[in-house]
Amino acid sequence: MSIRLRLALQFGSILAVTLLLFALVIYFATQQSRRNEFTQSLFKRTLVVGHAYVAGQEGRADAGEEASYRRYLRQLYRTLPAEQGRVYDANNHLVFREGQGAARPAPPAWLAEVRRTGQAVLEPETNYHETVGLLYRDARMGPLVVVASSVDEDSRQQLDELRRLLALGFLVAVAAAGAGSWFFAGRALRPLRRMVREVDGITATDLSQRLTRTGETTDEIGLLTQRFNRLLDRLEAAFVGQRTFVRDASHELRTPLTALIGELEVSLLQAERPPAEYRRVLQSTLDSARQLNSLTNGLLQIARASDDPSQVPMAAVSLDDLLLQAHEQLLRRHPTCRVDLDFGEAESFIVRGNEALLLSAVLNVLDNACKFSKATGGTVTATLARRRKHLSLLVSDEGPGLSAADLQQVFVPFFRAASARAVPGHGIGLPLAARIMALHGGTVRVESEPGQGTQVWLEWPVPV
């Protein structure tokens, strides 16, 4: 079932139930009101019958008054259909009857209730027939029970007409509501149908397309469009980054492989070569193999740093111990590099993370600082500090620095600044450090000016 049909049915059902309840309330309220009005009119008739009967009994000797009294009652009873009037004495004997139709005896229990309460209504009979009783007190005749009954023909006709009007109005309203809900549900869902068509046109080869924004941006459709466009932005950036990464990785891998293959091919062209030449070829291929191994390890570390954080084992890591390990390994790579360590005044530098990955991030930053400071003979400074909301490691060098344009791309894998072309490397140190820090909820900041060196901050949130 489509959303449009479901919305139309739900709205139509709610409106139909509401209209039905409203019609029932109107009908039964009208019925009760007319019944009360008719009952009160019957009670008034009982008073007339009681007065007329007592007056007739007091003047019974006059035959003319008796005939006039009979004619008056007959004229009175012709005003309502099937109307009857009866009078019962103190012994519940029927002493007077006038009206249309056959006499219906009143139940003794009901007559007793009338004498006890002063007036009562007999339970309504079928076909709108109603009977009421009134206790009429006379000093000479004693307590009399006057009964009046009739058929409420006017109420029957008007309620029948009201039922037809309510039924017709209910059907018309439900039909109109169903058509209206179908129409407006279609209009409300029109942007969704447009979004479906636009999404069908977006493919992995072209992620530059975006959903069209129409109408209010604060409603649910507008918010969904914004969120989906942001998702497409992230997907496009991820695809572009992946293509760039694969292209640059292929280029970087090809360089040592080409050098290695070239050296081997040249060495095979000559049958006999001096031992020193073979030694040079072996050394060159070894250097190329080491470069290839270093690049491969870097790529594997980047892939590992991009994993789901929930899949990476985490534990408490001491940053001061980690910095000492990185310093020890760094001196093996760059024995002539001078690195000054400053542990600040804090007693503890504990963070939650993966020690191997964090060591790789710190070592990469220190390695870059040493490589760029080697040409100028400068000193590398590594400072640990504790702030109110984070722990930080600042690595400063005295290298050639970076331009503002180069700073915008230092976190792009395989990017090499113009000032770093003569320095060995692959351009994956800072991107790898940034991904490792993001995996641990931290950040990497870089500040640099040409000729003023470079400062790199690694910042971790303070564990709660």
Protein backbone atom coordinates (compact mmCIF):
# COMPACT_ATOMS: atom_id res chain seq x y z
CA MET A 1 0.00 0.00 0.00
CA SER A 2 1.39 3.38 -0.99
CA ILE A 3 1.97 6.16 1.54
CA ARG A 4 -0.52 8.34 -0.31
CA LEU A 5 -3.30 5.76 -0.06
CA ARG A 6 -2.44 5.00 3.57
CA LEU A 7 -2.58 8.70 4.51
CA ALA A 8 -5.86 9.17 2.65
CA LEU A 9 -7.43 6.15 4.37
CA GLN A 10 -6.19 7.18 7.81
CA PHE A 11 -7.40 10.75 7.47
CA GLY A 12 -10.70 9.63 5.96
CA SER A 13 -11.25 7.07 8.74
CA ILE A 14 -10.57 9.63 11.47
CA LEU A 15 -12.93 12.13 9.88
CA ALA A 16 -15.61 9.48 9.29
CA VAL A 17 -15.53 8.35 12.94
CA THR A 18 -15.64 11.98 14.10
CA LEU A 19 -18.58 12.81 11.84
CA LEU A 20 -20.43 9.64 12.86
CA LEU A 21 -20.06 10.43 16.56
CA PHE A 22 -21.11 14.03 15.93
CA ALA A 23 -24.21 12.89 13.99
CA LEU A 24 -25.16 10.39 16.72
CA VAL A 25 -24.82 13.08 19.39
CA ILE A 26 -27.02 15.45 17.39
CA TYR A 27 -29.63 12.78 16.71
CA PHE A 28 -29.93 11.45 20.27
CA ALA A 29 -29.83 14.96 21.77
CA THR A 30 -32.65 16.02 19.45
CA GLN A 31 -34.61 12.85 20.24
CA GLN A 32 -34.25 13.38 23.99
CA SER A 33 -35.17 17.05 23.70
CA ARG A 34 -38.34 16.32 21.71
CA ARG A 35 -39.32 13.52 24.08
CA ASN A 36 -38.98 15.82 27.08
CA GLU A 37 -41.03 18.48 25.30
CA PHE A 38 -43.73 15.96 24.39
CA THR A 39 -43.78 14.58 27.95
CA GLN A 40 -44.30 18.05 29.39
CA SER A 41 -47.16 18.65 26.97
CA LEU A 42 -48.80 15.38 28.14
CA PHE A 43 -48.47 16.44 31.79
CA LYS A 44 -50.26 19.68 30.91
CA ARG A 45 -53.01 17.61 29.31
CA THR A 46 -53.43 15.60 32.50
CA LEU A 47 -54.06 18.82 34.42
CA VAL A 48 -56.73 19.83 31.92
CA VAL A 49 -58.35 16.38 32.12
CA GLY A 50 -58.24 16.46 35.93
CA HIS A 51 -59.79 19.93 36.17
CA ALA A 52 -62.42 19.07 33.59
CA TYR A 53 -63.32 15.76 35.27
CA VAL A 54 -63.68 17.29 38.74
CA ALA A 55 -65.73 20.19 37.35
CA GLY A 56 -67.94 17.77 35.47
CA GLN A 57 -68.52 15.64 38.57
CA GLU A 58 -69.45 18.67 40.66
CA GLY A 59 -72.03 19.78 38.04
CA ARG A 60 -73.27 16.30 37.07
CA ALA A 61 -76.93 17.20 37.79
CA ASP A 62 -76.96 19.53 34.82
CA ALA A 63 -77.28 17.37 31.68
CA GLY A 64 -76.40 20.31 29.42
CA GLU A 65 -73.12 20.98 31.21
CA GLU A 66 -72.32 17.25 31.02
CA ALA A 67 -72.83 17.23 27.22
CA SER A 68 -70.78 20.42 26.86
CA TYR A 69 -68.00 18.85 28.94
CA ARG A 70 -67.97 15.75 26.70
CA ARG A 71 -67.78 17.84 23.54
CA TYR A 72 -64.87 19.87 24.99
CA LEU A 73 -62.87 16.72 25.81
CA ARG A 74 -63.52 15.21 22.38
CA GLN A 75 -62.30 18.41 20.74
CA LEU A 76 -59.23 18.39 23.03
CA TYR A 77 -58.30 14.79 22.19
CA ARG A 78 -58.50 15.38 18.47
CA THR A 79 -55.39 17.69 18.62
CA LEU A 80 -52.96 14.76 19.19
CA PRO A 81 -52.96 11.42 17.36
CA ALA A 82 -54.26 8.39 19.30
CA GLU A 83 -54.61 10.51 22.45
CA GLN A 84 -56.37 9.05 25.50
CA GLY A 85 -57.26 10.40 28.92
CA ARG A 86 -58.14 8.25 31.94
CA VAL A 87 -58.92 8.91 35.57
CA TYR A 88 -58.42 6.37 38.39
CA ASP A 89 -59.94 6.81 41.83
CA ALA A 90 -58.31 6.05 45.17
CA ASN A 91 -58.96 2.33 44.67
CA ASN A 92 -57.32 2.33 41.21
CA HIS A 93 -60.72 1.89 39.52
CA LEU A 94 -61.12 3.44 36.11
CA VAL A 95 -63.79 6.11 36.63
CA PHE A 96 -63.31 8.06 33.42
CA ARG A 97 -62.02 7.45 29.93
CA GLU A 98 -62.02 9.55 26.80
CA GLY A 99 -60.06 9.53 23.56
CA GLN A 100 -59.21 7.50 20.49
CA GLY A 101 -58.47 3.81 20.27
CA ALA A 102 -58.94 0.96 22.71
CA ALA A 103 -58.31 1.51 26.40
CA ARG A 104 -54.99 0.24 27.72
CA PRO A 105 -55.04 -0.71 31.41
CA ALA A 106 -52.41 0.96 33.54
CA PRO A 107 -50.18 -1.39 35.60
CA PRO A 108 -51.07 -1.25 39.33
CA ALA A 109 -47.42 -0.94 40.28
CA TRP A 110 -47.03 2.09 38.08
CA LEU A 111 -50.20 3.70 39.53
CA ALA A 112 -48.74 3.14 42.99
CA GLU A 113 -45.53 4.87 41.87
CA VAL A 114 -47.55 7.85 40.61
CA ARG A 115 -49.31 8.12 43.99
CA ARG A 116 -45.95 7.93 45.78
CA THR A 117 -43.96 10.39 43.63
CA GLY A 118 -46.71 12.70 42.38
CA GLN A 119 -46.03 12.04 38.69
CA ALA A 120 -44.34 9.39 36.57
CA VAL A 121 -43.72 8.39 33.00
CA LEU A 122 -44.51 4.90 31.83
CA GLU A 123 -41.63 3.31 29.96
CA PRO A 124 -41.88 4.44 26.31
CA GLU A 125 -43.76 2.02 24.11
CA THR A 126 -42.89 1.26 20.53
CA ASN A 127 -43.67 3.58 17.64
CA TYR A 128 -43.26 6.81 19.68
CA HIS A 129 -46.24 6.04 21.97
CA GLU A 130 -45.91 7.56 25.45
CA THR A 131 -47.98 7.49 28.65
CA VAL A 132 -47.71 9.81 31.68
CA GLY A 133 -49.51 9.85 35.01
CA LEU A 134 -50.23 12.72 37.44
CA LEU A 135 -51.58 12.64 41.00
CA TYR A 136 -54.53 15.01 41.15
CA ARG A 137 -55.76 15.85 44.66
CA ASP A 138 -59.35 16.92 45.28
CA ALA A 139 -60.86 17.63 48.70
CA ARG A 140 -64.16 15.90 47.93
CA MET A 141 -63.03 13.03 45.61
CA GLY A 142 -59.67 12.36 47.21
CA PRO A 143 -56.43 11.58 45.34
CA LEU A 144 -57.05 10.79 41.69
CA VAL A 145 -54.53 9.48 39.15
CA VAL A 146 -54.95 11.15 35.78
CA VAL A 147 -53.33 9.30 32.88
CA ALA A 148 -52.67 10.78 29.42
CA SER A 149 -51.15 8.94 26.46
CA SER A 150 -50.50 9.75 22.83
CA VAL A 151 -48.28 9.09 19.83
CA ASP A 152 -45.58 11.71 19.12
CA GLU A 153 -46.14 11.80 15.37
CA ASP A 154 -44.35 15.10 14.85
CA SER A 155 -41.19 13.79 16.48
CA ARG A 156 -41.36 10.64 14.40
CA GLN A 157 -41.53 12.61 11.17
CA GLN A 158 -38.88 15.14 12.14
CA LEU A 159 -36.48 12.50 13.47
CA ASP A 160 -36.92 10.43 10.31
CA GLU A 161 -36.08 13.51 8.26
CA LEU A 162 -33.12 14.28 10.54
CA ARG A 163 -31.79 10.72 10.09
CA ARG A 164 -31.95 11.06 6.32
CA LEU A 165 -30.22 14.44 6.40
CA LEU A 166 -27.49 13.21 8.74
CA ALA A 167 -26.90 10.05 6.69
CA LEU A 168 -26.73 12.02 3.45
CA GLY A 169 -24.47 14.66 5.00
CA PHE A 170 -22.24 11.94 6.46
CA LEU A 171 -21.81 10.21 3.08
CA VAL A 172 -21.16 13.49 1.26
CA ALA A 173 -18.66 14.65 3.90
CA VAL A 174 -16.80 11.32 3.88
CA ALA A 175 -16.61 11.32 0.09
CA ALA A 176 -15.39 14.92 0.03
CA ALA A 177 -12.86 14.23 2.79
CA GLY A 178 -11.58 11.13 0.99
CA ALA A 179 -11.12 13.03 -2.28
CA GLY A 180 -9.52 15.96 -0.46
CA SER A 181 -7.16 13.80 1.57
CA TRP A 182 -6.13 11.90 -1.58
CA PHE A 183 -5.43 15.19 -3.36
CA PHE A 184 -3.53 16.88 -0.53
CA ALA A 185 -1.59 13.70 0.32
CA GLY A 186 -0.49 13.62 -3.32
CA ARG A 187 0.62 17.24 -3.14
CA ALA A 188 2.46 16.66 0.14
CA LEU A 189 4.28 13.62 -1.26
CA ARG A 190 5.12 15.25 -4.61
CA PRO A 191 8.58 16.38 -3.38
CA LEU A 192 9.32 12.80 -2.28
CA ARG A 193 8.47 11.47 -5.74
CA ARG A 194 10.75 14.11 -7.23
CA MET A 195 13.50 13.11 -4.81
CA VAL A 196 13.13 9.45 -5.84
CA ARG A 197 13.54 10.39 -9.51
CA GLU A 198 16.60 12.52 -8.76
CA VAL A 199 18.17 9.83 -6.56
CA ASP A 200 17.69 7.26 -9.34
CA GLY A 201 19.80 9.52 -11.57
CA ILE A 202 22.75 9.65 -9.16
CA THR A 203 25.40 7.00 -9.86
CA ALA A 204 28.81 6.17 -8.47
CA THR A 205 30.43 7.63 -11.58
CA ASP A 206 28.76 11.02 -11.06
CA LEU A 207 28.25 12.10 -7.46
CA SER A 208 28.21 15.81 -8.28
CA GLN A 209 24.41 15.93 -8.62
CA ARG A 210 22.36 17.21 -5.68
CA LEU A 211 18.68 17.09 -4.79
CA THR A 212 16.70 20.19 -5.68
CA ARG A 213 15.62 22.30 -2.72
CA THR A 214 12.06 23.55 -3.03
CA GLY A 215 9.65 25.11 -0.56
CA GLU A 216 10.45 25.58 3.10
CA THR A 217 13.82 24.31 4.32
CA THR A 218 12.51 23.89 7.88
CA ASP A 219 9.88 21.25 7.13
CA GLU A 220 10.57 17.52 7.10
CA ILE A 221 11.07 17.34 3.32
CA GLY A 222 13.48 20.28 3.34
CA LEU A 223 15.47 18.81 6.24
CA LEU A 224 15.60 15.43 4.49
CA THR A 225 16.89 17.13 1.32
CA GLN A 226 19.58 18.95 3.29
CA ARG A 227 20.69 15.80 5.10
CA PHE A 228 20.79 13.78 1.87
CA ASN A 229 22.81 16.48 0.10
CA ARG A 230 25.28 16.49 2.99
CA LEU A 231 25.52 12.72 2.70
CA LEU A 232 26.26 13.12 -1.01
CA ASP A 233 28.92 15.72 -0.16
CA ARG A 234 30.63 13.24 2.16
CA LEU A 235 30.31 10.40 -0.35
CA GLU A 236 31.71 12.54 -3.16
CA ALA A 237 34.62 13.65 -0.96
CA ALA A 238 35.26 10.02 0.01
CA PHE A 239 35.16 8.84 -3.63
CA VAL A 240 37.41 11.67 -4.77
CA GLY A 241 39.79 10.96 -1.91
CA GLN A 242 39.80 7.28 -2.74
CA ARG A 243 40.53 7.90 -6.42
CA THR A 244 43.24 10.39 -5.51
CA PHE A 245 44.69 8.00 -2.97
CA VAL A 246 44.79 5.10 -5.43
CA ARG A 247 46.33 7.29 -8.15
CA ASP A 248 48.99 8.76 -5.88
CA ALA A 249 49.71 5.41 -4.22
CA SER A 250 50.16 3.81 -7.63
CA HIS A 251 52.53 6.60 -8.64
CA GLU A 252 54.57 6.32 -5.45
CA LEU A 253 54.75 2.53 -5.69
CA ARG A 254 55.78 2.69 -9.32
CA THR A 255 58.85 4.84 -8.61
CA PRO A 256 60.82 2.34 -6.46
CA LEU A 257 59.59 -0.57 -8.55
CA THR A 258 60.77 1.12 -11.74
CA ALA A 259 64.16 1.85 -10.20
CA LEU A 260 64.48 -1.73 -8.94
CA ILE A 261 63.49 -3.28 -12.27
CA GLY A 262 65.79 -0.92 -14.17
CA GLU A 263 68.82 -1.77 -12.07
CA LEU A 264 68.17 -5.50 -12.45
CA GLU A 265 67.68 -5.26 -16.21
CA VAL A 266 70.87 -3.25 -16.66
CA SER A 267 72.83 -5.73 -14.55
CA LEU A 268 71.60 -8.61 -16.72
CA LEU A 269 72.64 -6.93 -19.99
CA GLN A 270 76.30 -7.62 -19.34
CA ALA A 271 77.59 -11.12 -18.85
CA GLU A 272 80.57 -10.21 -16.69
CA ARG A 273 80.71 -7.21 -14.32
CA PRO A 274 83.17 -6.24 -11.59
CA PRO A 275 82.25 -7.24 -8.02
CA ALA A 276 82.02 -3.58 -7.03
CA GLU A 277 79.37 -3.02 -9.73
CA TYR A 278 77.34 -5.98 -8.50
CA ARG A 279 77.64 -4.60 -5.00
CA ARG A 280 76.38 -1.21 -6.19
CA VAL A 281 73.40 -2.82 -7.97
CA LEU A 282 72.52 -4.87 -4.91
CA GLN A 283 72.74 -1.80 -2.70
CA SER A 284 70.53 0.18 -5.08
CA THR A 285 67.92 -2.55 -5.26
CA LEU A 286 68.04 -2.92 -1.47
CA ASP A 287 67.42 0.80 -1.07
CA SER A 288 64.50 0.60 -3.50
CA ALA A 289 63.12 -2.44 -1.67
CA ARG A 290 63.39 -0.60 1.67
CA GLN A 291 61.66 2.41 0.19
CA LEU A 292 58.94 0.16 -1.18
CA ASN A 293 58.59 -1.57 2.19
CA SER A 294 58.36 1.78 3.99
CA LEU A 295 55.70 3.00 1.59
CA THR A 296 53.72 -0.24 1.90
CA ASN A 297 53.83 -0.06 5.69
CA GLY A 298 52.61 3.52 5.54
CA LEU A 299 49.68 2.55 3.33
CA LEU A 300 48.77 -0.29 5.66
CA GLN A 301 48.90 2.04 8.64
CA ILE A 302 46.61 4.55 6.90
CA ALA A 303 44.13 1.77 6.15
CA ARG A 304 44.29 0.59 9.76
CA ALA A 305 43.83 4.14 11.06
CA SER A 306 40.67 4.45 8.97
CA ASP A 307 39.01 1.46 10.66
CA ASP A 308 35.94 1.58 12.86
CA PRO A 309 37.04 2.83 16.33
CA SER A 310 34.97 0.07 17.93
CA GLN A 311 37.17 -2.54 16.22
CA VAL A 312 40.48 -1.06 17.45
CA PRO A 313 41.60 -2.28 20.90
CA MET A 314 41.92 0.63 23.33
CA ALA A 315 43.70 0.87 26.69
CA ALA A 316 45.24 3.47 28.99
CA VAL A 317 48.38 4.93 27.37
CA SER A 318 50.96 7.14 29.07
CA LEU A 319 51.99 9.90 26.67
CA ASP A 320 55.29 10.62 28.42
CA ASP A 321 56.35 6.96 28.08
CA LEU A 322 55.10 6.99 24.49
CA LEU A 323 57.18 10.10 23.74
CA LEU A 324 60.30 8.45 25.19
CA GLN A 325 59.77 5.37 22.97
CA ALA A 326 59.31 7.57 19.91
CA HIS A 327 62.44 9.53 20.81
CA GLU A 328 64.46 6.32 21.09
CA GLN A 329 63.31 5.04 17.70
CA LEU A 330 63.82 8.47 16.14
CA LEU A 331 67.48 8.58 17.18
CA ARG A 332 68.03 5.25 15.40
CA ARG A 333 66.73 6.81 12.18
CA HIS A 334 68.40 10.21 12.62
CA PRO A 335 71.39 9.86 14.95
CA THR A 336 72.52 13.44 14.30
CA CYS A 337 69.11 15.04 14.96
CA ARG A 338 68.86 17.02 18.21
CA VAL A 339 65.50 16.57 19.94
CA ASP A 340 64.70 18.33 23.23
CA LEU A 341 61.87 16.84 25.32
CA ASP A 342 59.80 18.94 27.73
CA PHE A 343 57.31 17.08 29.94
CA GLY A 344 55.88 20.17 31.62
CA GLU A 345 54.71 20.23 35.20
CA ALA A 346 51.77 17.80 35.01
CA GLU A 347 51.98 14.60 36.99
CA SER A 348 50.07 12.40 34.55
CA PHE A 349 49.56 12.31 30.78
CA ILE A 350 47.22 9.33 30.49
CA VAL A 351 44.88 8.96 27.49
CA ARG A 352 42.77 6.08 26.23
CA GLY A 353 43.92 4.73 22.90
CA ASN A 354 45.86 2.17 20.90
CA GLU A 355 49.54 2.40 21.83
CA ALA A 356 50.91 1.16 18.50
CA LEU A 357 48.86 3.63 16.46
CA LEU A 358 49.61 6.57 18.76
CA LEU A 359 53.33 5.72 18.66
CA SER A 360 53.17 5.75 14.87
CA ALA A 361 51.48 9.19 14.86
CA VAL A 362 54.01 10.74 17.26
CA LEU A 363 56.95 9.14 15.46
CA ASN A 364 55.77 10.41 12.07
CA VAL A 365 55.49 13.99 13.33
CA LEU A 366 58.93 13.84 14.97
CA ASP A 367 60.41 12.22 11.87
CA ASN A 368 59.11 15.04 9.66
CA ALA A 369 60.50 17.64 12.04
CA CYS A 370 63.95 16.00 12.02
CA LYS A 371 64.05 15.65 8.24
CA PHE A 372 63.20 19.30 7.67
CA SER A 373 65.51 20.56 10.42
CA LYS A 374 68.50 18.49 9.26
CA ALA A 375 69.30 20.83 6.38
CA THR A 376 69.47 23.88 8.65
CA GLY A 377 70.99 22.08 11.62
CA GLY A 378 68.14 23.24 13.82
CA THR A 379 66.74 21.73 16.99
CA VAL A 380 63.43 19.87 17.33
CA THR A 381 61.43 20.53 20.49
CA ALA A 382 58.68 18.22 21.77
CA THR A 383 56.56 19.63 24.62
CA LEU A 384 53.84 17.83 26.56
CA ALA A 385 51.25 20.05 28.27
CA ARG A 386 47.99 19.56 30.12
CA ARG A 387 45.13 22.00 29.61
CA ARG A 388 41.72 22.15 31.22
CA LYS A 389 39.98 20.20 28.43
CA HIS A 390 42.79 18.44 26.57
CA LEU A 391 46.33 17.08 26.58
CA SER A 392 48.67 18.35 23.88
CA LEU A 393 52.02 17.50 22.33
CA LEU A 394 53.71 20.39 20.51
CA VAL A 395 56.47 19.50 18.04
CA SER A 396 58.44 22.51 16.74
CA ASP A 397 61.22 22.50 14.17
CA GLU A 398 63.50 25.11 12.62
CA GLY A 399 63.03 23.99 9.04
CA PRO A 400 62.20 26.06 5.94
CA GLY A 401 58.52 26.33 6.84
CA LEU A 402 55.43 26.13 4.62
CA SER A 403 53.50 28.63 2.57
CA ALA A 404 49.80 29.35 3.19
CA ALA A 405 48.86 27.40 0.04
CA ASP A 406 50.87 24.37 1.14
CA LEU A 407 49.26 24.48 4.61
CA GLN A 408 45.85 23.89 3.01
CA GLN A 409 47.00 20.51 1.63
CA VAL A 410 49.33 19.08 4.27
CA PHE A 411 46.70 16.47 5.25
CA VAL A 412 46.22 15.24 1.66
CA PRO A 413 47.96 11.84 1.23
CA PHE A 414 51.14 11.97 -0.92
CA PHE A 415 51.19 15.76 -1.07
CA ARG A 416 54.74 17.14 -1.08
CA ALA A 417 55.37 20.85 -0.62
CA ALA A 418 57.81 22.58 -2.96
CA SER A 419 60.27 23.05 -0.09
CA ALA A 420 60.14 19.30 0.69
CA ARG A 421 60.88 17.89 -2.75
CA ALA A 422 64.56 17.38 -1.88
CA VAL A 423 63.71 15.65 1.41
CA PRO A 424 63.13 11.86 1.31
CA GLY A 425 59.56 10.83 2.01
CA HIS A 426 56.20 9.91 0.57
CA GLY A 427 53.84 12.55 1.96
CA ILE A 428 51.87 10.21 4.19
CA GLY A 429 53.22 11.16 7.64
CA LEU A 430 50.81 13.98 8.56
CA PRO A 431 47.74 12.41 6.86
CA LEU A 432 48.43 9.22 8.81
CA ALA A 433 48.82 11.15 12.08
CA ALA A 434 45.57 13.05 11.40
CA ARG A 435 43.63 9.83 10.81
CA ILE A 436 45.06 8.20 13.93
CA MET A 437 44.17 11.24 16.04
CA ALA A 438 40.64 11.33 14.59
CA LEU A 439 40.30 7.65 15.50
CA HIS A 440 41.07 8.62 19.10
CA GLY A 441 38.79 11.67 19.15
CA GLY A 442 41.75 14.05 18.90
CA THR A 443 42.94 16.67 16.42
CA VAL A 444 46.09 17.77 14.60
CA ARG A 445 46.90 21.46 14.03
CA VAL A 446 49.73 22.83 11.90
CA GLU A 447 51.10 26.39 11.88
CA SER A 448 54.00 27.49 9.73
CA GLU A 449 55.52 30.43 7.92
CA PRO A 450 58.25 30.39 5.27
CA GLY A 451 61.62 30.66 6.98
CA GLN A 452 60.10 30.44 10.47
CA GLY A 453 59.84 26.68 10.93
CA THR A 454 56.72 24.59 11.59
CA GLN A 455 54.68 23.82 14.72
CA VAL A 456 52.48 20.73 14.92
CA TRP A 457 50.01 20.17 17.80
CA LEU A 458 48.63 16.74 18.63
CA GLU A 459 45.67 17.18 21.03
CA TRP A 460 43.75 14.52 22.96
CA PRO A 461 40.58 15.02 25.00
CA VAL A 462 41.10 14.71 28.74
CA PRO A 463 39.67 11.30 29.83
CA VAL A 464 36.69 11.54 32.18
